[in-house]
């Protein structure tokens, strides 16, 4: 998890260096919560996957396959679902996180004329709230399944 936090810091510094509006206009507290929840979910997911395999090579291949399929499916979401993404799509941890980032980028963009993400955007009943709860719940579930 420590490595993931370092990567999150690098992500924020890179966004700041290129003047990304996501980091410049969004509250640091919101970004910290999002990135810590994501780091926790990834760490617990890796523990879960490690518990399923006895051989390192097999586990590595499955993880690479999983990441590749996730990246491909995440990039074609808009083409698959013309009328909006169904909520069940966000059960996959990466898709929930990508939705939160996409919403944050859309809100902080000056082109869209929206306000940056606020804590009120995470109110119960919103998609952002549901995605965050899914990530937290999946993190807990992965720990239980890894035992």
C-alpha atoms as a PDB file:
ATOM      1  CA  UNK A   1       0.000   0.000   0.000  1.00  0.00           C
ATOM      2  CA  UNK A   2       2.957   2.275   0.651  1.00  0.00           C
ATOM      3  CA  UNK A   3       4.024   1.967  -2.983  1.00  0.00           C
ATOM      4  CA  UNK A   4       0.499   2.834  -4.120  1.00  0.00           C
ATOM      5  CA  UNK A   5       0.560   5.967  -1.956  1.00  0.00           C
ATOM      6  CA  UNK A   6       3.878   6.964  -3.527  1.00  0.00           C
ATOM      7  CA  UNK A   7       2.338   6.445  -6.975  1.00  0.00           C
ATOM      8  CA  UNK A   8      -0.670   8.545  -5.945  1.00  0.00           C
ATOM      9  CA  UNK A   9       1.663  11.332  -4.841  1.00  0.00           C
ATOM     10  CA  UNK A  10       3.514  11.059  -8.159  1.00  0.00           C
ATOM     11  CA  UNK A  11       0.137  11.209  -9.960  1.00  0.00           C
ATOM     12  CA  UNK A  12      -0.796  14.413  -8.114  1.00  0.00           C
ATOM     13  CA  UNK A  13       2.610  16.005  -8.710  1.00  0.00           C
ATOM     14  CA  UNK A  14       2.468  15.151 -12.401  1.00  0.00           C
ATOM     15  CA  UNK A  15      -1.042  16.605 -12.673  1.00  0.00           C
ATOM     16  CA  UNK A  16       0.166  19.727 -10.886  1.00  0.00           C
ATOM     17  CA  UNK A  17       3.204  19.998 -13.199  1.00  0.00           C
ATOM     18  CA  UNK A  18       1.021  19.915 -16.314  1.00  0.00           C
ATOM     19  CA  UNK A  19      -1.575  22.204 -14.702  1.00  0.00           C
ATOM     20  CA  UNK A  20      -4.320  19.587 -14.649  1.00  0.00           C
ATOM     21  CA  UNK A  21      -7.499  21.230 -13.456  1.00  0.00           C
ATOM     22  CA  UNK A  22      -8.450  18.069 -11.550  1.00  0.00           C
ATOM     23  CA  UNK A  23      -5.673  18.632  -9.016  1.00  0.00           C
ATOM     24  CA  UNK A  24      -5.668  22.433  -9.142  1.00  0.00           C
ATOM     25  CA  UNK A  25      -9.403  22.999  -8.655  1.00  0.00           C
ATOM     26  CA  UNK A  26     -10.528  20.021  -6.570  1.00  0.00           C
ATOM     27  CA  UNK A  27     -10.223  20.112  -2.787  1.00  0.00           C
ATOM     28  CA  UNK A  28      -7.102  18.277  -1.590  1.00  0.00           C
ATOM     29  CA  UNK A  29      -9.221  16.480   1.010  1.00  0.00           C
ATOM     30  CA  UNK A  30     -11.429  14.959  -1.674  1.00  0.00           C
ATOM     31  CA  UNK A  31      -8.422  13.836  -3.709  1.00  0.00           C
ATOM     32  CA  UNK A  32      -6.750  12.308  -0.665  1.00  0.00           C
ATOM     33  CA  UNK A  33      -9.866  10.345   0.279  1.00  0.00           C
ATOM     34  CA  UNK A  34     -10.347   9.088  -3.287  1.00  0.00           C
ATOM     35  CA  UNK A  35      -6.718   8.027  -3.682  1.00  0.00           C
ATOM     36  CA  UNK A  36      -6.480   6.391  -0.240  1.00  0.00           C
ATOM     37  CA  UNK A  37      -9.687   4.405  -0.821  1.00  0.00           C
ATOM     38  CA  UNK A  38      -8.365   3.349  -4.228  1.00  0.00           C
ATOM     39  CA  UNK A  39      -4.998   2.329  -2.746  1.00  0.00           C
ATOM     40  CA  UNK A  40      -6.767   0.312  -0.042  1.00  0.00           C
ATOM     41  CA  UNK A  41      -8.970  -1.443  -2.594  1.00  0.00           C
ATOM     42  CA  UNK A  42      -6.008  -2.305  -4.795  1.00  0.00           C
ATOM     43  CA  UNK A  43      -3.954  -3.614  -1.878  1.00  0.00           C
ATOM     44  CA  UNK A  44      -6.770  -5.815  -0.583  1.00  0.00           C
ATOM     45  CA  UNK A  45      -7.519  -7.036  -4.105  1.00  0.00           C
ATOM     46  CA  UNK A  46      -3.882  -8.078  -4.492  1.00  0.00           C
ATOM     47  CA  UNK A  47      -4.073 -10.001  -1.195  1.00  0.00           C
ATOM     48  CA  UNK A  48      -7.216 -11.712  -2.443  1.00  0.00           C
ATOM     49  CA  UNK A  49      -5.576 -12.717  -5.731  1.00  0.00           C
ATOM     50  CA  UNK A  50      -2.430 -13.891  -3.955  1.00  0.00           C
ATOM     51  CA  UNK A  51      -4.498 -16.178  -1.750  1.00  0.00           C
ATOM     52  CA  UNK A  52      -6.019 -17.852  -4.807  1.00  0.00           C
ATOM     53  CA  UNK A  53      -2.753 -18.975  -6.403  1.00  0.00           C
ATOM     54  CA  UNK A  54       0.076 -21.086  -5.084  1.00  0.00           C
ATOM     55  CA  UNK A  55       2.488 -20.351  -7.921  1.00  0.00           C
ATOM     56  CA  UNK A  56       3.823 -16.869  -8.580  1.00  0.00           C
ATOM     57  CA  UNK A  57       3.981 -17.282 -12.341  1.00  0.00           C
ATOM     58  CA  UNK A  58       0.316 -18.223 -12.630  1.00  0.00           C
ATOM     59  CA  UNK A  59      -0.721 -15.338 -10.376  1.00  0.00           C
ATOM     60  CA  UNK A  60       1.359 -12.879 -12.390  1.00  0.00           C
ATOM     61  CA  UNK A  61      -0.175 -14.004 -15.674  1.00  0.00           C
ATOM     62  CA  UNK A  62      -3.708 -13.741 -14.295  1.00  0.00           C
ATOM     63  CA  UNK A  63      -3.062 -10.245 -12.948  1.00  0.00           C
ATOM     64  CA  UNK A  64      -1.585  -9.060 -16.269  1.00  0.00           C
ATOM     65  CA  UNK A  65      -4.571 -10.515 -18.118  1.00  0.00           C
ATOM     66  CA  UNK A  66      -6.971  -8.906 -15.636  1.00  0.00           C
ATOM     67  CA  UNK A  67      -5.315  -5.476 -15.992  1.00  0.00           C
ATOM     68  CA  UNK A  68      -5.271  -5.699 -19.807  1.00  0.00           C
ATOM     69  CA  UNK A  69      -8.936  -6.687 -20.027  1.00  0.00           C
ATOM     70  CA  UNK A  70      -9.872  -3.970 -17.526  1.00  0.00           C
ATOM     71  CA  UNK A  71      -8.050  -1.307 -19.524  1.00  0.00           C
ATOM     72  CA  UNK A  72      -9.658  -2.391 -22.783  1.00  0.00           C
ATOM     73  CA  UNK A  73     -13.155  -2.646 -21.300  1.00  0.00           C
ATOM     74  CA  UNK A  74     -12.789   0.688 -19.520  1.00  0.00           C
ATOM     75  CA  UNK A  75     -11.825   2.443 -22.732  1.00  0.00           C
ATOM     76  CA  UNK A  76     -14.772   1.085 -24.740  1.00  0.00           C
ATOM     77  CA  UNK A  77     -17.466   1.676 -22.112  1.00  0.00           C
ATOM     78  CA  UNK A  78     -19.018   4.558 -24.034  1.00  0.00           C
ATOM     79  CA  UNK A  79     -19.255   2.437 -27.169  1.00  0.00           C
ATOM     80  CA  UNK A  80     -20.809  -0.517 -25.356  1.00  0.00           C
ATOM     81  CA  UNK A  81     -23.450   1.416 -23.424  1.00  0.00           C
ATOM     82  CA  UNK A  82     -25.062   4.087 -25.586  1.00  0.00           C
ATOM     83  CA  UNK A  83     -27.778   4.996 -23.034  1.00  0.00           C
ATOM     84  CA  UNK A  84     -25.512   5.342 -20.028  1.00  0.00           C
ATOM     85  CA  UNK A  85     -23.498   2.922 -17.988  1.00  0.00           C
ATOM     86  CA  UNK A  86     -25.511   0.512 -15.814  1.00  0.00           C
ATOM     87  CA  UNK A  87     -24.704   0.536 -12.111  1.00  0.00           C
ATOM     88  CA  UNK A  88     -23.623  -3.125 -12.160  1.00  0.00           C
ATOM     89  CA  UNK A  89     -20.678  -2.073 -14.350  1.00  0.00           C
ATOM     90  CA  UNK A  90     -19.137  -0.319 -11.336  1.00  0.00           C
ATOM     91  CA  UNK A  91     -18.873  -3.544  -9.329  1.00  0.00           C
ATOM     92  CA  UNK A  92     -15.461  -3.913 -10.975  1.00  0.00           C
ATOM     93  CA  UNK A  93     -13.149  -1.775  -8.771  1.00  0.00           C
ATOM     94  CA  UNK A  94     -11.285  -0.171 -11.680  1.00  0.00           C
ATOM     95  CA  UNK A  95     -14.467   0.951 -13.381  1.00  0.00           C
ATOM     96  CA  UNK A  96     -15.775   2.571 -10.190  1.00  0.00           C
ATOM     97  CA  UNK A  97     -12.482   4.418  -9.714  1.00  0.00           C
ATOM     98  CA  UNK A  98     -12.334   5.485 -13.367  1.00  0.00           C
ATOM     99  CA  UNK A  99     -15.876   6.852 -13.086  1.00  0.00           C
ATOM    100  CA  UNK A 100     -14.896   8.946 -10.049  1.00  0.00           C
ATOM    101  CA  UNK A 101     -11.825  10.296 -11.880  1.00  0.00           C
ATOM    102  CA  UNK A 102     -13.812  10.969 -15.052  1.00  0.00           C
ATOM    103  CA  UNK A 103     -16.437  12.877 -13.082  1.00  0.00           C
ATOM    104  CA  UNK A 104     -13.716  14.858 -11.309  1.00  0.00           C
ATOM    105  CA  UNK A 105     -12.015  15.740 -14.593  1.00  0.00           C
ATOM    106  CA  UNK A 106     -15.339  16.721 -16.160  1.00  0.00           C
ATOM    107  CA  UNK A 107     -16.244  18.911 -13.157  1.00  0.00           C
ATOM    108  CA  UNK A 108     -12.881  20.631 -12.946  1.00  0.00           C
ATOM    109  CA  UNK A 109     -12.630  21.313 -16.668  1.00  0.00           C
ATOM    110  CA  UNK A 110     -13.144  24.944 -17.560  1.00  0.00           C
ATOM    111  CA  UNK A 111     -14.708  23.893 -20.847  1.00  0.00           C
ATOM    112  CA  UNK A 112     -17.735  22.330 -19.151  1.00  0.00           C
ATOM    113  CA  UNK A 113     -18.321  25.350 -16.928  1.00  0.00           C
ATOM    114  CA  UNK A 114     -18.984  23.140 -13.884  1.00  0.00           C
ATOM    115  CA  UNK A 115     -17.715  23.652 -10.370  1.00  0.00           C
ATOM    116  CA  UNK A 116     -14.939  21.384  -9.118  1.00  0.00           C
ATOM    117  CA  UNK A 117     -16.017  18.310  -7.154  1.00  0.00           C
ATOM    118  CA  UNK A 118     -17.396  19.139  -3.736  1.00  0.00           C
ATOM    119  CA  UNK A 119     -18.211  16.954  -0.751  1.00  0.00           C
ATOM    120  CA  UNK A 120     -21.883  17.464  -1.593  1.00  0.00           C
ATOM    121  CA  UNK A 121     -21.309  15.585  -4.880  1.00  0.00           C
ATOM    122  CA  UNK A 122     -20.759  12.482  -2.743  1.00  0.00           C
ATOM    123  CA  UNK A 123     -24.209  12.724  -1.139  1.00  0.00           C
ATOM    124  CA  UNK A 124     -26.094   9.442  -0.628  1.00  0.00           C
ATOM    125  CA  UNK A 125     -27.978   8.503  -3.767  1.00  0.00           C
ATOM    126  CA  UNK A 126     -25.401   9.929  -6.183  1.00  0.00           C
ATOM    127  CA  UNK A 127     -23.293   7.780  -8.483  1.00  0.00           C
ATOM    128  CA  UNK A 128     -20.105   9.100  -6.857  1.00  0.00           C
ATOM    129  CA  UNK A 129     -21.346   8.034  -3.431  1.00  0.00           C
ATOM    130  CA  UNK A 130     -22.288   4.598  -4.759  1.00  0.00           C
ATOM    131  CA  UNK A 131     -18.891   4.145  -6.432  1.00  0.00           C
ATOM    132  CA  UNK A 132     -17.061   5.137  -3.230  1.00  0.00           C
ATOM    133  CA  UNK A 133     -19.192   2.758  -1.158  1.00  0.00           C
ATOM    134  CA  UNK A 134     -18.519  -0.024  -3.662  1.00  0.00           C
ATOM    135  CA  UNK A 135     -14.767   0.566  -3.401  1.00  0.00           C
ATOM    136  CA  UNK A 136     -14.879   0.586   0.406  1.00  0.00           C
ATOM    137  CA  UNK A 137     -17.111  -2.472   0.514  1.00  0.00           C
ATOM    138  CA  UNK A 138     -14.964  -4.354  -1.975  1.00  0.00           C
ATOM    139  CA  UNK A 139     -11.870  -3.566   0.070  1.00  0.00           C
ATOM    140  CA  UNK A 140     -13.501  -5.115   3.138  1.00  0.00           C
ATOM    141  CA  UNK A 141     -14.802  -8.071   1.122  1.00  0.00           C
ATOM    142  CA  UNK A 142     -11.385  -8.778  -0.413  1.00  0.00           C
ATOM    143  CA  UNK A 143      -9.800  -8.871   3.045  1.00  0.00           C
ATOM    144  CA  UNK A 144     -12.427 -11.334   4.277  1.00  0.00           C
ATOM    145  CA  UNK A 145     -12.047 -13.524   1.178  1.00  0.00           C
ATOM    146  CA  UNK A 146      -8.264 -13.500   1.433  1.00  0.00           C
ATOM    147  CA  UNK A 147      -8.357 -14.986   4.945  1.00  0.00           C
END
